[in-house]
Amino acid sequence: MSAAAAVTPLRGPQGEPVYELSRVGKTYARGHVTALEDVSLTLRKGGFYAVIGSSGCGKSTLLKIMAGLTPPSKGRVTLQGRPVLGPRRDIGMMFQQATLFPWRTTIQNVLLPIEIRDGPAAARKAEPRARELLETVGLKGFESVYPGQLSGGMAQRASICRMLITEPAVLLLDEPFSALDELARDFMNMELQRICMAREATAFLVTHSIAEAVILSDMVLVMKPRPGRVAELVPIDLPRPRTLDMVTTPQFGALVERIRGRLDKEAFL
């Protein structure tokens, strides 16, 4: 039995399975370096998941496999019942930096995935939806503004819209707000929660912040050091919508300490 299966809790997201990983492993250097080993996980519709662990534990490798950017060496990865063999329209990805093209306006950047995959005519047809998304994240009136005129938080909000424009089944988030200051990061985390709840989005977040993982997630995956494996799945039984005031509550503090304690334990095993 895999480590993930051995500790699967009875609580957590209850929607239908959307994304499934079965005994996934990844090796490099012709099999001499093992980055991931025996990772099994099921993401359910509408659930928010976070993965946390020490540097080098395979978090980014796991995200790349889930995004279809690199194949697993072992195991099976499926999204909505179909194997993930490469990048797909129903996988949304958001990186640490906004990566907006400076010569394109905000709305042109949002529509870029549609334009690349389906052509300019399809992008024009999707423009009303792009405007709706920009209004949802508070960027109404900035459609014709270039990235150099946006703040860091505004640029990341535009990146959220670009991720959502193809209506993906799962959102993969690689520390999307780590470059922002603390106040902006808190605001964007609450915005991300609001958007995910409104759209019943299934999200998977890579983070180095225990507090961020707890405030956003329904389930936190604590990873062992390399080779990366799931040490524990921690259900986060805090009511939604979450608020920043929750970080001062005993329940929040206990969850943070549980995760920190597990990370410390794994570091010295």
C-alpha atoms as a PDB file:
ATOM      1  CA  MET A   1       0.000   0.000   0.000  1.00  0.00           C
ATOM      2  CA  SER A   2       1.353   3.463  -0.863  1.00  0.00           C
ATOM      3  CA  ALA A   3       2.110   6.056   1.800  1.00  0.00           C
ATOM      4  CA  ALA A   4      -0.710   8.241   0.484  1.00  0.00           C
ATOM      5  CA  ALA A   5      -3.246   5.433   0.632  1.00  0.00           C
ATOM      6  CA  ALA A   6      -2.161   4.484   4.161  1.00  0.00           C
ATOM      7  CA  VAL A   7      -3.007   7.882   5.593  1.00  0.00           C
ATOM      8  CA  THR A   8      -6.045   8.905   3.529  1.00  0.00           C
ATOM      9  CA  PRO A   9      -8.450  10.567   6.003  1.00  0.00           C
ATOM     10  CA  LEU A  10     -12.187  10.053   6.125  1.00  0.00           C
ATOM     11  CA  ARG A  11     -12.817  13.784   5.792  1.00  0.00           C
ATOM     12  CA  GLY A  12     -12.032  16.193   2.989  1.00  0.00           C
ATOM     13  CA  PRO A  13     -13.551  17.228  -0.360  1.00  0.00           C
ATOM     14  CA  GLN A  14     -16.487  15.022  -1.317  1.00  0.00           C
ATOM     15  CA  GLY A  15     -17.031  15.879  -5.000  1.00  0.00           C
ATOM     16  CA  GLU A  16     -16.563  13.452  -7.874  1.00  0.00           C
ATOM     17  CA  PRO A  17     -12.958  12.501  -8.762  1.00  0.00           C
ATOM     18  CA  VAL A  18     -11.435  14.859 -11.332  1.00  0.00           C
ATOM     19  CA  TYR A  19      -7.692  14.244 -11.279  1.00  0.00           C
ATOM     20  CA  GLU A  20      -6.079  10.974 -10.212  1.00  0.00           C
ATOM     21  CA  LEU A  21      -2.462   9.961  -9.717  1.00  0.00           C
ATOM     22  CA  SER A  22      -1.675   6.301  -9.085  1.00  0.00           C
ATOM     23  CA  ARG A  23       1.758   5.270  -7.751  1.00  0.00           C
ATOM     24  CA  VAL A  24       3.532   8.019  -9.702  1.00  0.00           C
ATOM     25  CA  GLY A  25       7.321   8.094  -9.694  1.00  0.00           C
ATOM     26  CA  LYS A  26       9.946  10.173 -11.475  1.00  0.00           C
ATOM     27  CA  THR A  27      13.658   9.499 -11.939  1.00  0.00           C
ATOM     28  CA  TYR A  28      16.408  11.480 -13.623  1.00  0.00           C
ATOM     29  CA  ALA A  29      19.997  10.782 -14.684  1.00  0.00           C
ATOM     30  CA  ARG A  30      19.064   7.426 -16.237  1.00  0.00           C
ATOM     31  CA  GLY A  31      17.355   6.280 -13.088  1.00  0.00           C
ATOM     32  CA  HIS A  32      20.140   7.236 -10.664  1.00  0.00           C
ATOM     33  CA  VAL A  33      18.238  10.178  -9.106  1.00  0.00           C
ATOM     34  CA  THR A  34      14.718   9.589  -7.763  1.00  0.00           C
ATOM     35  CA  ALA A  35      12.688  12.795  -7.461  1.00  0.00           C
ATOM     36  CA  LEU A  36       9.286  11.212  -6.721  1.00  0.00           C
ATOM     37  CA  GLU A  37       8.306   7.786  -5.485  1.00  0.00           C
ATOM     38  CA  ASP A  38       4.923   6.079  -5.169  1.00  0.00           C
ATOM     39  CA  VAL A  39       2.698   9.190  -5.071  1.00  0.00           C
ATOM     40  CA  SER A  40      -1.037   8.431  -5.151  1.00  0.00           C
ATOM     41  CA  LEU A  41      -3.654  11.160  -4.941  1.00  0.00           C
ATOM     42  CA  THR A  42      -7.228  11.937  -5.948  1.00  0.00           C
ATOM     43  CA  LEU A  43      -8.408  15.507  -6.492  1.00  0.00           C
ATOM     44  CA  ARG A  44     -12.172  15.911  -6.206  1.00  0.00           C
ATOM     45  CA  LYS A  45     -14.312  18.504  -7.923  1.00  0.00           C
ATOM     46  CA  GLY A  46     -14.373  21.817  -6.110  1.00  0.00           C
ATOM     47  CA  GLY A  47     -11.581  20.827  -3.724  1.00  0.00           C
ATOM     48  CA  PHE A  48      -8.577  23.029  -2.972  1.00  0.00           C
ATOM     49  CA  TYR A  49      -5.356  21.129  -2.287  1.00  0.00           C
ATOM     50  CA  ALA A  50      -1.895  22.343  -1.315  1.00  0.00           C
ATOM     51  CA  VAL A  51       1.438  20.553  -1.243  1.00  0.00           C
ATOM     52  CA  ILE A  52       4.225  21.596   1.082  1.00  0.00           C
ATOM     53  CA  GLY A  53       7.657  20.213   1.837  1.00  0.00           C
ATOM     54  CA  SER A  54      11.349  21.031   2.018  1.00  0.00           C
ATOM     55  CA  SER A  55      13.251  22.227  -1.046  1.00  0.00           C
ATOM     56  CA  GLY A  56      14.079  19.333  -3.337  1.00  0.00           C
ATOM     57  CA  CYS A  57      11.193  17.127  -2.178  1.00  0.00           C
ATOM     58  CA  GLY A  58       9.676  16.973  -5.662  1.00  0.00           C
ATOM     59  CA  LYS A  59       6.861  19.534  -5.398  1.00  0.00           C
ATOM     60  CA  SER A  60       7.695  21.235  -8.684  1.00  0.00           C
ATOM     61  CA  THR A  61       8.330  17.905 -10.406  1.00  0.00           C
ATOM     62  CA  LEU A  62       4.904  16.723  -9.269  1.00  0.00           C
ATOM     63  CA  LEU A  63       3.277  19.877 -10.637  1.00  0.00           C
ATOM     64  CA  LYS A  64       5.046  19.503 -14.007  1.00  0.00           C
ATOM     65  CA  ILE A  65       3.826  15.910 -14.280  1.00  0.00           C
ATOM     66  CA  MET A  66       0.278  16.994 -13.439  1.00  0.00           C
ATOM     67  CA  ALA A  67       0.483  19.768 -16.047  1.00  0.00           C
ATOM     68  CA  GLY A  68       1.639  17.325 -18.713  1.00  0.00           C
ATOM     69  CA  LEU A  69       4.964  19.162 -19.080  1.00  0.00           C
ATOM     70  CA  THR A  70       7.035  16.112 -18.172  1.00  0.00           C
ATOM     71  CA  PRO A  71       6.016  12.427 -18.177  1.00  0.00           C
ATOM     72  CA  PRO A  72       6.196  10.236 -15.068  1.00  0.00           C
ATOM     73  CA  SER A  73       8.741   7.423 -15.051  1.00  0.00           C
ATOM     74  CA  LYS A  74       6.229   5.171 -13.333  1.00  0.00           C
ATOM     75  CA  GLY A  75       2.537   5.208 -12.534  1.00  0.00           C
ATOM     76  CA  ARG A  76      -0.586   6.640 -14.127  1.00  0.00           C
ATOM     77  CA  VAL A  77      -1.974  10.174 -14.330  1.00  0.00           C
ATOM     78  CA  THR A  78      -5.550  10.781 -15.489  1.00  0.00           C
ATOM     79  CA  LEU A  79      -7.757  13.855 -15.742  1.00  0.00           C
ATOM     80  CA  GLN A  80     -11.489  13.342 -16.211  1.00  0.00           C
ATOM     81  CA  GLY A  81     -10.829   9.708 -17.079  1.00  0.00           C
ATOM     82  CA  ARG A  82      -8.246  10.390 -19.811  1.00  0.00           C
ATOM     83  CA  PRO A  83      -4.476   9.882 -19.447  1.00  0.00           C
ATOM     84  CA  VAL A  84      -2.441  13.092 -19.198  1.00  0.00           C
ATOM     85  CA  LEU A  85       0.137  12.701 -21.989  1.00  0.00           C
ATOM     86  CA  GLY A  86       0.971  16.373 -22.516  1.00  0.00           C
ATOM     87  CA  PRO A  87      -0.379  19.919 -22.013  1.00  0.00           C
ATOM     88  CA  ARG A  88      -4.156  20.059 -22.324  1.00  0.00           C
ATOM     89  CA  ARG A  89      -6.866  22.668 -22.668  1.00  0.00           C
ATOM     90  CA  ASP A  90      -8.570  21.446 -19.493  1.00  0.00           C
ATOM     91  CA  ILE A  91      -5.444  22.071 -17.380  1.00  0.00           C
ATOM     92  CA  GLY A  92      -4.893  25.649 -16.218  1.00  0.00           C
ATOM     93  CA  MET A  93      -1.416  26.648 -15.029  1.00  0.00           C
ATOM     94  CA  MET A  94      -0.261  29.729 -13.127  1.00  0.00           C
ATOM     95  CA  PHE A  95       3.384  30.472 -12.352  1.00  0.00           C
ATOM     96  CA  GLN A  96       5.288  32.535  -9.775  1.00  0.00           C
ATOM     97  CA  GLN A  97       5.594  35.445 -12.202  1.00  0.00           C
ATOM     98  CA  ALA A  98       2.743  36.896 -14.223  1.00  0.00           C
ATOM     99  CA  THR A  99       4.606  36.280 -17.543  1.00  0.00           C
ATOM    100  CA  LEU A 100       2.383  38.687 -19.458  1.00  0.00           C
ATOM    101  CA  PHE A 101       3.677  39.784 -22.866  1.00  0.00           C
ATOM    102  CA  PRO A 102       4.548  43.503 -22.548  1.00  0.00           C
ATOM    103  CA  TRP A 103       3.488  44.326 -26.119  1.00  0.00           C
ATOM    104  CA  ARG A 104      -0.038  42.954 -25.619  1.00  0.00           C
ATOM    105  CA  THR A 105      -2.820  44.680 -23.716  1.00  0.00           C
ATOM    106  CA  THR A 106      -4.401  43.071 -20.660  1.00  0.00           C
ATOM    107  CA  ILE A 107      -7.298  41.593 -22.602  1.00  0.00           C
ATOM    108  CA  GLN A 108      -5.003  40.437 -25.403  1.00  0.00           C
ATOM    109  CA  ASN A 109      -2.895  38.589 -22.833  1.00  0.00           C
ATOM    110  CA  VAL A 110      -5.995  36.982 -21.348  1.00  0.00           C
ATOM    111  CA  LEU A 111      -7.130  35.811 -24.792  1.00  0.00           C
ATOM    112  CA  LEU A 112      -3.707  34.485 -25.791  1.00  0.00           C
ATOM    113  CA  PRO A 113      -4.396  30.779 -25.024  1.00  0.00           C
ATOM    114  CA  ILE A 114      -7.535  30.897 -27.199  1.00  0.00           C
ATOM    115  CA  GLU A 115      -5.666  32.658 -30.007  1.00  0.00           C
ATOM    116  CA  ILE A 116      -2.786  30.149 -29.945  1.00  0.00           C
ATOM    117  CA  ARG A 117      -4.998  27.071 -29.906  1.00  0.00           C
ATOM    118  CA  ASP A 118      -7.978  28.134 -32.002  1.00  0.00           C
ATOM    119  CA  GLY A 119      -6.912  31.233 -33.948  1.00  0.00           C
ATOM    120  CA  PRO A 120      -7.711  34.978 -33.934  1.00  0.00           C
ATOM    121  CA  ALA A 121     -11.371  34.511 -34.862  1.00  0.00           C
ATOM    122  CA  ALA A 122     -11.984  32.307 -31.819  1.00  0.00           C
ATOM    123  CA  ALA A 123     -10.166  34.811 -29.629  1.00  0.00           C
ATOM    124  CA  ARG A 124     -12.442  37.614 -30.844  1.00  0.00           C
ATOM    125  CA  LYS A 125     -15.470  35.447 -30.124  1.00  0.00           C
ATOM    126  CA  ALA A 126     -14.199  34.829 -26.575  1.00  0.00           C
ATOM    127  CA  GLU A 127     -13.667  38.536 -25.865  1.00  0.00           C
ATOM    128  CA  PRO A 128     -16.963  38.981 -23.927  1.00  0.00           C
ATOM    129  CA  ARG A 129     -15.949  36.155 -21.606  1.00  0.00           C
ATOM    130  CA  ALA A 130     -12.508  37.720 -21.133  1.00  0.00           C
ATOM    131  CA  ARG A 131     -14.121  41.025 -20.173  1.00  0.00           C
ATOM    132  CA  GLU A 132     -16.389  39.220 -17.730  1.00  0.00           C
ATOM    133  CA  LEU A 133     -13.389  37.527 -16.101  1.00  0.00           C
ATOM    134  CA  LEU A 134     -11.497  40.827 -15.828  1.00  0.00           C
ATOM    135  CA  GLU A 135     -14.506  42.405 -14.161  1.00  0.00           C
ATOM    136  CA  THR A 136     -14.699  39.452 -11.759  1.00  0.00           C
ATOM    137  CA  VAL A 137     -11.141  40.096 -10.540  1.00  0.00           C
ATOM    138  CA  GLY A 138     -11.572  43.859 -10.330  1.00  0.00           C
ATOM    139  CA  LEU A 139      -9.805  44.815 -13.572  1.00  0.00           C
ATOM    140  CA  LYS A 140     -12.749  46.363 -15.399  1.00  0.00           C
ATOM    141  CA  GLY A 141     -11.431  49.452 -17.172  1.00  0.00           C
ATOM    142  CA  PHE A 142      -7.914  48.009 -17.538  1.00  0.00           C
ATOM    143  CA  GLU A 143      -8.638  45.923 -20.639  1.00  0.00           C
ATOM    144  CA  SER A 144      -6.520  48.143 -22.918  1.00  0.00           C
ATOM    145  CA  VAL A 145      -3.718  48.760 -20.426  1.00  0.00           C
ATOM    146  CA  TYR A 146      -0.281  47.237 -21.020  1.00  0.00           C
ATOM    147  CA  PRO A 147       1.443  45.091 -18.350  1.00  0.00           C
ATOM    148  CA  GLY A 148       4.011  47.791 -17.572  1.00  0.00           C
ATOM    149  CA  GLN A 149       1.175  49.954 -16.262  1.00  0.00           C
ATOM    150  CA  LEU A 150      -0.174  47.264 -13.889  1.00  0.00           C
ATOM    151  CA  SER A 151       0.904  46.615 -10.321  1.00  0.00           C
ATOM    152  CA  GLY A 152       2.226  43.180  -9.404  1.00  0.00           C
ATOM    153  CA  GLY A 153      -1.100  42.147  -7.898  1.00  0.00           C
ATOM    154  CA  MET A 154      -3.050  43.412 -10.907  1.00  0.00           C
ATOM    155  CA  ALA A 155      -0.758  41.514 -13.265  1.00  0.00           C
ATOM    156  CA  GLN A 156      -1.336  38.307 -11.297  1.00  0.00           C
ATOM    157  CA  ARG A 157      -5.088  38.881 -11.421  1.00  0.00           C
ATOM    158  CA  ALA A 158      -4.798  39.167 -15.198  1.00  0.00           C
ATOM    159  CA  SER A 159      -2.863  35.887 -15.144  1.00  0.00           C
ATOM    160  CA  ILE A 160      -5.733  34.259 -13.223  1.00  0.00           C
ATOM    161  CA  CYS A 161      -8.088  35.372 -16.007  1.00  0.00           C
ATOM    162  CA  ARG A 162      -5.748  33.960 -18.650  1.00  0.00           C
ATOM    163  CA  MET A 163      -5.735  30.645 -16.768  1.00  0.00           C
ATOM    164  CA  LEU A 164      -9.540  30.580 -16.531  1.00  0.00           C
ATOM    165  CA  ILE A 165     -10.353  31.628 -20.105  1.00  0.00           C
ATOM    166  CA  THR A 166     -10.209  28.029 -21.396  1.00  0.00           C
ATOM    167  CA  GLU A 167     -12.481  26.811 -18.560  1.00  0.00           C
ATOM    168  CA  PRO A 168      -9.988  24.219 -17.259  1.00  0.00           C
ATOM    169  CA  ALA A 169     -11.057  21.269 -15.110  1.00  0.00           C
ATOM    170  CA  VAL A 170      -8.137  21.755 -12.731  1.00  0.00           C
ATOM    171  CA  LEU A 171      -6.016  24.771 -11.757  1.00  0.00           C
ATOM    172  CA  LEU A 172      -2.322  24.142 -11.041  1.00  0.00           C
ATOM    173  CA  LEU A 173      -0.698  26.950  -9.070  1.00  0.00           C
ATOM    174  CA  ASP A 174       3.080  27.233  -8.640  1.00  0.00           C
ATOM    175  CA  GLU A 175       3.533  29.714  -5.754  1.00  0.00           C
ATOM    176  CA  PRO A 176       1.612  32.324  -7.784  1.00  0.00           C
ATOM    177  CA  PHE A 177       1.865  35.144  -5.241  1.00  0.00           C
ATOM    178  CA  SER A 178       5.321  34.539  -3.747  1.00  0.00           C
ATOM    179  CA  ALA A 179       6.789  37.631  -5.423  1.00  0.00           C
ATOM    180  CA  LEU A 180       4.194  39.955  -3.863  1.00  0.00           C
ATOM    181  CA  ASP A 181       4.488  41.788  -0.558  1.00  0.00           C
ATOM    182  CA  GLU A 182       2.636  40.314   2.418  1.00  0.00           C
ATOM    183  CA  LEU A 183      -0.424  42.568   2.209  1.00  0.00           C
ATOM    184  CA  ALA A 184      -0.850  42.033  -1.528  1.00  0.00           C
ATOM    185  CA  ARG A 185      -0.321  38.291  -1.089  1.00  0.00           C
ATOM    186  CA  ASP A 186      -3.040  38.084   1.558  1.00  0.00           C
ATOM    187  CA  PHE A 187      -5.436  40.001  -0.678  1.00  0.00           C
ATOM    188  CA  MET A 188      -4.701  37.789  -3.683  1.00  0.00           C
ATOM    189  CA  ASN A 189      -5.163  34.625  -1.636  1.00  0.00           C
ATOM    190  CA  MET A 190      -8.624  35.793  -0.621  1.00  0.00           C
ATOM    191  CA  GLU A 191      -9.360  36.690  -4.258  1.00  0.00           C
ATOM    192  CA  LEU A 192      -8.229  33.252  -5.370  1.00  0.00           C
ATOM    193  CA  GLN A 193     -10.489  31.612  -2.789  1.00  0.00           C
ATOM    194  CA  ARG A 194     -13.455  33.709  -3.934  1.00  0.00           C
ATOM    195  CA  ILE A 195     -12.920  32.831  -7.596  1.00  0.00           C
ATOM    196  CA  CYS A 196     -12.469  29.128  -6.904  1.00  0.00           C
ATOM    197  CA  MET A 197     -15.600  29.001  -4.755  1.00  0.00           C
ATOM    198  CA  ALA A 198     -17.680  30.914  -7.315  1.00  0.00           C
ATOM    199  CA  ARG A 199     -16.638  28.548 -10.114  1.00  0.00           C
ATOM    200  CA  GLU A 200     -16.406  25.319  -8.094  1.00  0.00           C
ATOM    201  CA  ALA A 201     -12.844  25.085  -9.347  1.00  0.00           C
ATOM    202  CA  THR A 202     -10.523  22.226  -8.434  1.00  0.00           C
ATOM    203  CA  ALA A 203      -7.152  23.682  -7.468  1.00  0.00           C
ATOM    204  CA  PHE A 204      -3.705  22.330  -6.572  1.00  0.00           C
ATOM    205  CA  LEU A 205      -1.194  24.759  -5.011  1.00  0.00           C
ATOM    206  CA  VAL A 206       2.551  24.429  -4.497  1.00  0.00           C
ATOM    207  CA  THR A 207       3.673  26.632  -1.608  1.00  0.00           C
ATOM    208  CA  HIS A 208       6.439  27.053   0.965  1.00  0.00           C
ATOM    209  CA  SER A 209       4.074  28.825   3.378  1.00  0.00           C
ATOM    210  CA  ILE A 210       2.287  26.661   5.931  1.00  0.00           C
ATOM    211  CA  ALA A 211      -0.117  29.481   6.786  1.00  0.00           C
ATOM    212  CA  GLU A 212      -0.991  29.993   3.109  1.00  0.00           C
ATOM    213  CA  ALA A 213      -1.629  26.269   2.681  1.00  0.00           C
ATOM    214  CA  VAL A 214      -3.950  26.198   5.704  1.00  0.00           C
ATOM    215  CA  ILE A 215      -5.928  29.344   4.892  1.00  0.00           C
ATOM    216  CA  LEU A 216      -6.644  28.208   1.305  1.00  0.00           C
ATOM    217  CA  SER A 217      -6.891  24.433   1.372  1.00  0.00           C
ATOM    218  CA  ASP A 218      -9.331  21.666   2.091  1.00  0.00           C
ATOM    219  CA  MET A 219      -6.409  19.231   2.198  1.00  0.00           C
ATOM    220  CA  VAL A 220      -2.655  19.727   2.670  1.00  0.00           C
ATOM    221  CA  LEU A 221      -0.145  17.174   1.374  1.00  0.00           C
ATOM    222  CA  VAL A 222       2.983  17.069   3.515  1.00  0.00           C
ATOM    223  CA  MET A 223       5.900  15.692   1.481  1.00  0.00           C
ATOM    224  CA  LYS A 224       8.890  13.692   2.641  1.00  0.00           C
ATOM    225  CA  PRO A 225      12.365  14.819   1.524  1.00  0.00           C
ATOM    226  CA  ARG A 226      13.790  13.291  -1.640  1.00  0.00           C
ATOM    227  CA  PRO A 227      12.696  10.932  -2.921  1.00  0.00           C
ATOM    228  CA  GLY A 228       9.430  12.825  -2.652  1.00  0.00           C
ATOM    229  CA  ARG A 229       6.562  10.861  -1.143  1.00  0.00           C
ATOM    230  CA  VAL A 230       3.383  11.853   0.656  1.00  0.00           C
ATOM    231  CA  ALA A 231       4.090  11.706   4.387  1.00  0.00           C
ATOM    232  CA  GLU A 232       0.626  12.791   5.516  1.00  0.00           C
ATOM    233  CA  LEU A 233      -2.642  14.176   4.183  1.00  0.00           C
ATOM    234  CA  VAL A 234      -3.945  16.819   6.584  1.00  0.00           C
ATOM    235  CA  PRO A 235      -7.645  17.761   6.238  1.00  0.00           C
ATOM    236  CA  ILE A 236      -8.326  21.450   6.919  1.00  0.00           C
ATOM    237  CA  ASP A 237     -11.719  21.604   8.622  1.00  0.00           C
ATOM    238  CA  LEU A 238     -12.127  25.376   8.701  1.00  0.00           C
ATOM    239  CA  PRO A 239     -15.422  26.914   7.529  1.00  0.00           C
ATOM    240  CA  ARG A 240     -15.655  28.716   4.197  1.00  0.00           C
ATOM    241  CA  PRO A 241     -15.353  31.362   3.120  1.00  0.00           C
ATOM    242  CA  ARG A 242     -12.052  31.680   4.968  1.00  0.00           C
ATOM    243  CA  THR A 243     -11.066  35.068   6.363  1.00  0.00           C
ATOM    244  CA  LEU A 244      -7.701  36.468   7.410  1.00  0.00           C
ATOM    245  CA  ASP A 245      -9.020  36.783  10.967  1.00  0.00           C
ATOM    246  CA  MET A 246      -8.904  32.983  11.186  1.00  0.00           C
ATOM    247  CA  VAL A 247      -5.114  32.999  11.445  1.00  0.00           C
ATOM    248  CA  THR A 248      -5.438  34.109  15.087  1.00  0.00           C
ATOM    249  CA  THR A 249      -7.744  31.258  16.108  1.00  0.00           C
ATOM    250  CA  PRO A 250      -6.574  28.230  18.152  1.00  0.00           C
ATOM    251  CA  GLN A 251      -7.835  25.832  15.461  1.00  0.00           C
ATOM    252  CA  PHE A 252      -5.740  27.534  12.777  1.00  0.00           C
ATOM    253  CA  GLY A 253      -2.701  27.551  15.048  1.00  0.00           C
ATOM    254  CA  ALA A 254      -3.118  23.853  15.830  1.00  0.00           C
ATOM    255  CA  LEU A 255      -3.228  22.972  12.118  1.00  0.00           C
ATOM    256  CA  VAL A 256      -0.108  25.026  11.424  1.00  0.00           C
ATOM    257  CA  GLU A 257       1.718  23.346  14.303  1.00  0.00           C
ATOM    258  CA  ARG A 258       0.630  19.881  13.142  1.00  0.00           C
ATOM    259  CA  ILE A 259       2.031  20.492   9.668  1.00  0.00           C
ATOM    260  CA  ARG A 260       5.205  22.141  10.959  1.00  0.00           C
ATOM    261  CA  GLY A 261       5.761  19.273  13.360  1.00  0.00           C
ATOM    262  CA  ARG A 262       5.423  16.724  10.569  1.00  0.00           C
ATOM    263  CA  LEU A 263       7.852  18.667   8.357  1.00  0.00           C
ATOM    264  CA  ASP A 264      10.370  18.861  11.213  1.00  0.00           C
ATOM    265  CA  LYS A 265       9.972  15.148  11.892  1.00  0.00           C
ATOM    266  CA  GLU A 266      10.569  14.237   8.254  1.00  0.00           C
ATOM    267  CA  ALA A 267      13.637  16.474   8.089  1.00  0.00           C
ATOM    268  CA  PHE A 268      15.378  14.451  10.809  1.00  0.00           C
ATOM    269  CA  LEU A 269      14.291  10.933   9.849  1.00  0.00           C
END
